[in-house]
Protein backbone atom coordinates (compact mmCIF):
# COMPACT_ATOMS: atom_id res chain seq x y z
CA UNK A 1 28.83 -96.78 11.04
CA UNK A 2 27.30 -96.22 14.47
CA UNK A 3 25.83 -92.90 15.57
CA UNK A 4 28.74 -92.52 17.97
CA UNK A 5 31.27 -93.05 15.20
CA UNK A 6 29.46 -90.53 13.01
CA UNK A 7 29.54 -87.89 15.76
CA UNK A 8 33.18 -88.61 16.55
CA UNK A 9 34.21 -88.19 12.90
CA UNK A 10 32.16 -85.03 12.60
CA UNK A 11 33.82 -83.58 15.69
CA UNK A 12 37.28 -84.50 14.39
CA UNK A 13 36.50 -82.90 11.03
CA UNK A 14 35.54 -79.69 12.83
CA UNK A 15 39.15 -79.50 14.04
CA UNK A 16 40.65 -80.40 10.68
CA UNK A 17 41.28 -84.09 11.39
CA UNK A 18 40.16 -86.59 8.76
CA UNK A 19 40.57 -90.33 9.22
CA UNK A 20 42.80 -91.78 6.49
CA UNK A 21 41.42 -94.34 4.07
CA UNK A 22 43.41 -97.34 5.26
CA UNK A 23 42.30 -100.95 4.79
CA UNK A 24 40.70 -102.58 7.82
CA UNK A 25 42.27 -105.85 9.01
CA UNK A 26 41.30 -108.26 11.76
CA UNK A 27 42.79 -110.88 14.07
CA UNK A 28 40.98 -113.30 16.33
CA UNK A 29 42.00 -113.10 19.99
CA UNK A 30 40.39 -115.88 21.97
CA UNK A 31 36.86 -115.80 20.62
CA UNK A 32 36.86 -112.08 19.86
CA UNK A 33 37.56 -110.56 16.44
CA UNK A 34 39.75 -107.48 16.87
CA UNK A 35 40.25 -104.87 14.17
CA UNK A 36 43.11 -102.60 13.17
CA UNK A 37 44.34 -100.46 10.30
CA UNK A 38 47.88 -100.74 8.98
CA UNK A 39 50.46 -98.59 7.23
CA UNK A 40 53.15 -101.03 5.99
CA UNK A 41 56.72 -99.86 5.75
CA UNK A 42 59.08 -100.41 2.82
CA UNK A 43 61.36 -102.80 4.71
CA UNK A 44 60.09 -105.76 6.78
CA UNK A 45 63.22 -105.53 8.94
CA UNK A 46 62.39 -101.97 10.06
CA UNK A 47 60.76 -101.01 13.35
CA UNK A 48 57.18 -102.13 14.07
CA UNK A 49 55.02 -99.56 15.87
CA UNK A 50 51.84 -100.51 17.72
CA UNK A 51 50.02 -97.20 18.15
CA UNK A 52 47.26 -97.15 20.78
CA UNK A 53 44.53 -94.52 20.84
CA UNK A 54 43.07 -92.81 23.88
CA UNK A 55 39.73 -93.64 25.48
CA UNK A 56 36.88 -92.97 23.06
CA UNK A 57 39.12 -93.14 20.01
CA UNK A 58 39.83 -95.55 17.17
CA UNK A 59 42.89 -96.78 15.33
CA UNK A 60 42.05 -94.70 12.25
CA UNK A 61 41.43 -91.68 14.43
CA UNK A 62 44.82 -92.15 16.06
CA UNK A 63 46.41 -92.22 12.62
CA UNK A 64 44.78 -88.90 11.80
CA UNK A 65 45.80 -87.36 15.12
CA UNK A 66 49.44 -88.47 15.02
CA UNK A 67 50.21 -88.51 11.29
CA UNK A 68 52.20 -91.71 11.84
CA UNK A 69 50.38 -93.51 9.01
CA UNK A 70 52.24 -91.29 6.52
CA UNK A 71 55.41 -90.28 8.29
CA UNK A 72 56.10 -93.73 9.80
CA UNK A 73 56.46 -95.64 6.51
CA UNK A 74 58.39 -92.71 5.04
CA UNK A 75 60.97 -93.33 7.79
CA UNK A 76 61.07 -97.08 7.24
CA UNK A 77 58.55 -98.11 9.92
CA UNK A 78 55.51 -100.36 9.76
CA UNK A 79 52.69 -98.88 11.82
CA UNK A 80 49.62 -100.72 13.15
CA UNK A 81 46.69 -98.85 14.70
CA UNK A 82 44.41 -101.29 16.61
CA UNK A 83 40.92 -100.57 17.92
CA UNK A 84 40.11 -100.97 21.57
CA UNK A 85 36.94 -102.88 22.51
CA UNK A 86 34.22 -100.25 23.01
CA UNK A 87 36.90 -97.63 22.19
CA UNK A 88 38.90 -98.27 25.39
CA UNK A 89 41.83 -100.39 26.61
CA UNK A 90 42.15 -102.65 29.62
CA UNK A 91 45.17 -100.96 31.24
CA UNK A 92 44.79 -103.01 34.44
CA UNK A 93 43.51 -100.20 36.63
CA UNK A 94 40.93 -102.62 38.10
CA UNK A 95 38.70 -99.87 39.47
CA UNK A 96 34.95 -100.40 40.04
CA UNK A 97 33.93 -97.80 37.48
CA UNK A 98 36.01 -99.50 34.76
CA UNK A 99 35.05 -103.08 35.60
CA UNK A 100 33.66 -103.75 32.12
CA UNK A 101 37.20 -103.59 30.70
CA UNK A 102 38.61 -106.34 32.91
CA UNK A 103 37.53 -109.24 30.70
CA UNK A 104 39.31 -107.83 27.62
CA UNK A 105 42.73 -109.34 26.90
CA UNK A 106 44.55 -106.46 25.23
CA UNK A 107 47.93 -108.02 26.01
CA UNK A 108 46.97 -110.98 23.83
CA UNK A 109 45.93 -108.53 21.12
CA UNK A 110 49.35 -106.88 21.06
CA UNK A 111 51.03 -110.28 20.83
CA UNK A 112 48.63 -111.29 18.04
CA UNK A 113 49.42 -108.13 16.09
CA UNK A 114 53.16 -108.81 16.22
CA UNK A 115 52.58 -112.42 15.14
CA UNK A 116 50.24 -111.30 12.34
CA UNK A 117 52.90 -108.91 11.03
CA UNK A 118 55.45 -111.72 11.04
CA UNK A 119 53.26 -114.33 9.38
CA UNK A 120 52.01 -111.95 6.71
CA UNK A 121 55.54 -110.85 5.88
CA UNK A 122 54.74 -107.20 6.57
CA UNK A 123 57.28 -106.94 9.36
CA UNK A 124 59.68 -109.36 11.03
CA UNK A 125 59.06 -107.91 14.48
CA UNK A 126 62.75 -107.55 15.36
CA UNK A 127 62.14 -104.20 17.04
CA UNK A 128 58.64 -103.61 18.39
CA UNK A 129 57.58 -100.33 19.97
CA UNK A 130 54.35 -99.47 21.76
CA UNK A 131 53.23 -95.86 21.26
CA UNK A 132 50.21 -94.79 23.27
CA UNK A 133 48.24 -91.69 24.14
CA UNK A 134 46.25 -91.35 27.37
CA UNK A 135 44.49 -94.69 28.05
CA UNK A 136 46.60 -96.27 25.29
CA UNK A 137 49.78 -94.97 26.90
CA UNK A 138 48.76 -96.35 30.29
CA UNK A 139 48.38 -99.76 28.65
CA UNK A 140 51.75 -99.48 26.88
CA UNK A 141 53.53 -98.57 30.12
CA UNK A 142 51.85 -101.39 32.05
CA UNK A 143 52.68 -103.99 29.40
CA UNK A 144 56.33 -102.93 29.22
CA UNK A 145 56.75 -102.50 32.99
CA UNK A 146 55.48 -106.00 33.70
CA UNK A 147 57.32 -107.58 30.77
CA UNK A 148 54.11 -108.87 29.20
CA UNK A 149 55.24 -108.15 25.62
CA UNK A 150 58.87 -107.90 24.51
CA UNK A 151 59.35 -104.28 23.49
CA UNK A 152 62.40 -102.36 22.33
CA UNK A 153 60.82 -99.17 23.61
CA UNK A 154 57.68 -97.33 24.64
CA UNK A 155 56.43 -93.84 23.87
CA UNK A 156 53.87 -92.17 26.11
CA UNK A 157 51.90 -89.08 25.10
CA UNK A 158 49.77 -87.52 27.85
CA UNK A 159 50.15 -90.75 29.83
CA UNK A 160 52.27 -92.31 32.54
CA UNK A 161 51.95 -95.25 34.91
CA UNK A 162 48.94 -96.08 37.04
CA UNK A 163 49.55 -96.24 40.77
CA UNK A 164 48.31 -99.82 40.82
CA UNK A 165 50.66 -101.00 38.08
CA UNK A 166 53.67 -99.22 39.58
CA UNK A 167 52.97 -100.44 43.10
CA UNK A 168 52.87 -104.06 41.98
CA UNK A 169 56.06 -103.68 39.91
CA UNK A 170 58.20 -100.76 41.16
CA UNK A 171 61.14 -101.67 38.91
CA UNK A 172 60.35 -102.45 35.24
CA UNK A 173 60.94 -106.11 34.41
CA UNK A 174 62.44 -105.47 30.99
CA UNK A 175 64.98 -103.00 29.68
CA UNK A 176 63.13 -100.82 27.16
CA UNK A 177 63.78 -97.42 25.70
CA UNK A 178 61.52 -94.69 27.12
CA UNK A 179 60.25 -91.46 25.57
CA UNK A 180 57.39 -89.34 26.88
CA UNK A 181 55.57 -86.07 26.24
CA UNK A 182 53.41 -84.62 29.01
CA UNK A 183 51.82 -81.25 29.78
CA UNK A 184 52.06 -79.88 33.30
CA UNK A 185 48.44 -78.67 33.06
CA UNK A 186 47.00 -81.90 31.67
CA UNK A 187 43.39 -81.92 32.96
CA UNK A 188 42.90 -85.69 32.52
CA UNK A 189 46.18 -87.40 33.42
CA UNK A 190 47.86 -85.11 35.99
CA UNK A 191 51.59 -84.54 35.46
CA UNK A 192 52.32 -84.49 39.18
CA UNK A 193 50.22 -87.57 39.83
CA UNK A 194 46.73 -88.01 41.21
CA UNK A 195 43.24 -89.12 40.17
CA UNK A 196 42.58 -89.71 36.48
CA UNK A 197 39.72 -87.71 34.96
CA UNK A 198 38.59 -84.18 34.19
CA UNK A 199 39.37 -81.82 37.02
CA UNK A 200 36.14 -79.95 36.31
CA UNK A 201 34.04 -82.91 37.46
CA UNK A 202 32.36 -82.46 40.83
CA UNK A 203 34.25 -84.25 43.63
CA UNK A 204 31.42 -86.76 44.12
CA UNK A 205 32.04 -87.93 40.54
CA UNK A 206 35.79 -88.12 41.02
CA UNK A 207 36.29 -90.35 44.06
CA UNK A 208 39.97 -90.96 43.30
CA UNK A 209 41.30 -94.49 43.03
CA UNK A 210 37.83 -95.95 43.53
CA UNK A 211 36.63 -94.13 40.39
CA UNK A 212 39.03 -94.13 37.43
CA UNK A 213 42.24 -94.83 39.32
CA UNK A 214 45.30 -92.64 39.79
CA UNK A 215 48.63 -92.08 38.09
CA UNK A 216 52.10 -91.70 39.58
CA UNK A 217 54.08 -88.45 39.16
CA UNK A 218 55.42 -88.34 35.61
CA UNK A 219 59.04 -87.58 36.43
CA UNK A 220 59.17 -90.47 38.89
CA UNK A 221 57.79 -92.78 36.22
CA UNK A 222 60.45 -91.68 33.73
CA UNK A 223 63.19 -92.25 36.31
CA UNK A 224 61.94 -95.82 36.82
CA UNK A 225 63.14 -96.63 33.30
CA UNK A 226 66.79 -95.88 34.00
CA UNK A 227 69.14 -98.86 33.82
CA UNK A 228 70.04 -100.38 37.19
CA UNK A 229 73.29 -98.50 37.80
CA UNK A 230 71.78 -95.21 36.65
CA UNK A 231 68.59 -95.48 38.70
CA UNK A 232 68.30 -92.72 41.27
CA UNK A 233 70.30 -90.23 39.18
CA UNK A 234 68.88 -86.79 38.48
CA UNK A 235 68.09 -85.74 34.91
CA UNK A 236 69.68 -82.97 32.93
CA UNK A 237 67.14 -80.27 32.03
CA UNK A 238 67.29 -78.24 28.84
CA UNK A 239 64.82 -75.51 27.85
CA UNK A 240 64.10 -75.80 24.13
CA UNK A 241 63.93 -72.84 21.80
CA UNK A 242 60.39 -71.81 20.95
CA UNK A 243 58.55 -69.25 18.84
CA UNK A 244 56.98 -66.31 20.62
CA UNK A 245 53.62 -67.15 22.12
CA UNK A 246 54.05 -70.92 22.17
CA UNK A 247 54.32 -73.09 25.28
CA UNK A 248 57.76 -73.49 26.91
CA UNK A 249 59.16 -77.03 26.75
CA UNK A 250 61.88 -78.63 28.87
CA UNK A 251 63.72 -81.78 27.79
CA UNK A 252 64.62 -83.99 30.74
CA UNK A 253 67.22 -86.70 30.10
CA UNK A 254 68.24 -89.37 32.57
CA UNK A 255 71.52 -91.29 32.26
CA UNK A 256 71.64 -94.46 30.24
CA UNK A 257 73.52 -97.63 31.09
CA UNK A 258 77.10 -96.67 32.03
CA UNK A 259 79.51 -97.04 29.14
CA UNK A 260 76.83 -98.32 26.77
CA UNK A 261 75.76 -95.84 24.13
CA UNK A 262 73.39 -98.46 22.72
CA UNK A 263 71.14 -98.16 25.79
CA UNK A 264 70.20 -94.47 26.12
CA UNK A 265 68.38 -93.26 29.20
CA UNK A 266 64.76 -92.10 29.47
CA UNK A 267 63.73 -88.79 27.90
CA UNK A 268 60.75 -86.70 28.93
CA UNK A 269 59.48 -83.58 27.19
CA UNK A 270 57.84 -81.48 29.90
CA UNK A 271 55.40 -79.04 28.31
CA UNK A 272 54.86 -76.11 30.66
CA UNK A 273 51.14 -75.35 30.80
CA UNK A 274 50.43 -78.00 28.16
CA UNK A 275 47.21 -79.99 28.07
CA UNK A 276 46.00 -83.44 27.09
CA UNK A 277 47.20 -83.19 23.49
CA UNK A 278 49.54 -84.57 20.84
CA UNK A 279 52.32 -81.94 20.55
CA UNK A 280 52.79 -80.44 17.12
CA UNK A 281 49.44 -81.68 15.81
CA UNK A 282 45.94 -80.25 15.71
CA UNK A 283 43.80 -80.43 18.84
CA UNK A 284 40.89 -82.87 18.72
CA UNK A 285 38.66 -81.04 21.22
CA UNK A 286 38.29 -77.42 22.39
CA UNK A 287 41.15 -75.96 24.43
CA UNK A 288 38.77 -75.31 27.32
CA UNK A 289 38.38 -79.09 27.69
CA UNK A 290 41.80 -80.58 26.91
CA UNK A 291 44.08 -77.57 27.33
CA UNK A 292 46.59 -75.99 24.92
CA UNK A 293 48.97 -77.79 22.55
CA UNK A 294 52.67 -77.03 22.03
CA UNK A 295 52.64 -76.26 18.32
CA UNK A 296 56.41 -76.12 17.78
CA UNK A 297 57.16 -79.49 19.41
CA UNK A 298 57.05 -82.13 16.66
CA UNK A 299 56.24 -85.19 18.78
CA UNK A 300 55.71 -87.39 15.71
CA UNK A 301 59.11 -86.54 14.30
CA UNK A 302 60.81 -87.07 17.66
CA UNK A 303 59.09 -90.45 18.03
CA UNK A 304 60.38 -91.57 14.64
CA UNK A 305 63.90 -90.42 15.52
CA UNK A 306 63.62 -92.39 18.76
CA UNK A 307 62.55 -95.64 17.15
CA UNK A 308 65.19 -95.41 14.45
CA UNK A 309 68.07 -94.97 16.90
CA UNK A 310 66.83 -97.13 19.78
CA UNK A 311 68.71 -100.38 20.25
CA UNK A 312 67.18 -103.80 20.40
CA UNK A 313 66.37 -105.05 23.87
CA UNK A 314 69.77 -105.42 25.56
CA UNK A 315 71.15 -108.88 26.09
CA UNK A 316 70.66 -110.17 29.63
C-alpha cells in the first residue's frame, strides 16, 4: 500500500467509510495491467454495472461510497469497480493540465471489463450500464455520447458532459437511458456549467478551459438524451417530499420516445444547494470542501430501480 493509499483510507475511515474486502482482479489492456474489484450478481443475465470513481479515488473506495457492492447483487446486478490509472480517468478533456491522462485508453478498459464478465461467466453483458461520479461520470457520458461502448444506460452523480465532448457530438450517437443527480452548489462540477475545479482556487490557478476544462449546463445535458421526436421538449418538475432540515430536491423528467414506454426519457434529480456528493450516503470530505449532501435522497436505490426497469438499447 502506498502512502497516498494509506492516507486516503484513513481519511475515508474518519467519515465512516471502510473499503469492502473484495477480491482484486485484473485485465490486460494493450500492455497495461488494469485492476478492478467485483461484486457478482446471482444471475448472469442480470444487469452489468461498471461503476467509475471520481478523481483521486479507487474502485474499492467507490464501492464503500456508493454501497453498490452489497445492494447491487441483492437486486440481481453484477457490479464491477475498476481503478483509474493514477486514480483518474481519461475523459477526453484534452486540456494542458491533464495531458498525462491522454495516453490512457479507458474506453478499451470498459470494453475489456464487459468481455471479461462474459468469458468468465459472471455476466452475459446483455444490459451494460456505466455509473460514474465526477471524473468517472464525465467519462461515462463521453463514452455513451460518442457511442464508444454499447450501453443500455448511464448514471451520472455530480457529473455532466464536458464542453469539448458535447461540442464535437451535440446529439448522442446511441439511444441510452439517462439518470443523473447533481447539486446546484457543486463546487467542483458546476450545475449551471463552467470551469471544472474548486471555486476557492485563486483565478490564476483556474484558467478555465485551458486548465481542467469546462462542463455544459446540467439541464441542457439531460435534454440531449431525449429521443429524437422528444428533443427540445421541456421537463416536468416535481418537488420531492423531504424531512425538515434536509436539502430540497426537484425531479426533472423529460419525455421519452412517443408511444414507447420501453424507452423512458431522461431524469435528473436537482439537489438545491447540494454539493459534490453521493446523495443518501456519507460524505467523504468535510462539508466546507465538497458541500452538503441530501441525506433523504437514496441515489443508490434509485440507480438500482433505474437499471432494473431500463430497456435494452432500442432497435435501430
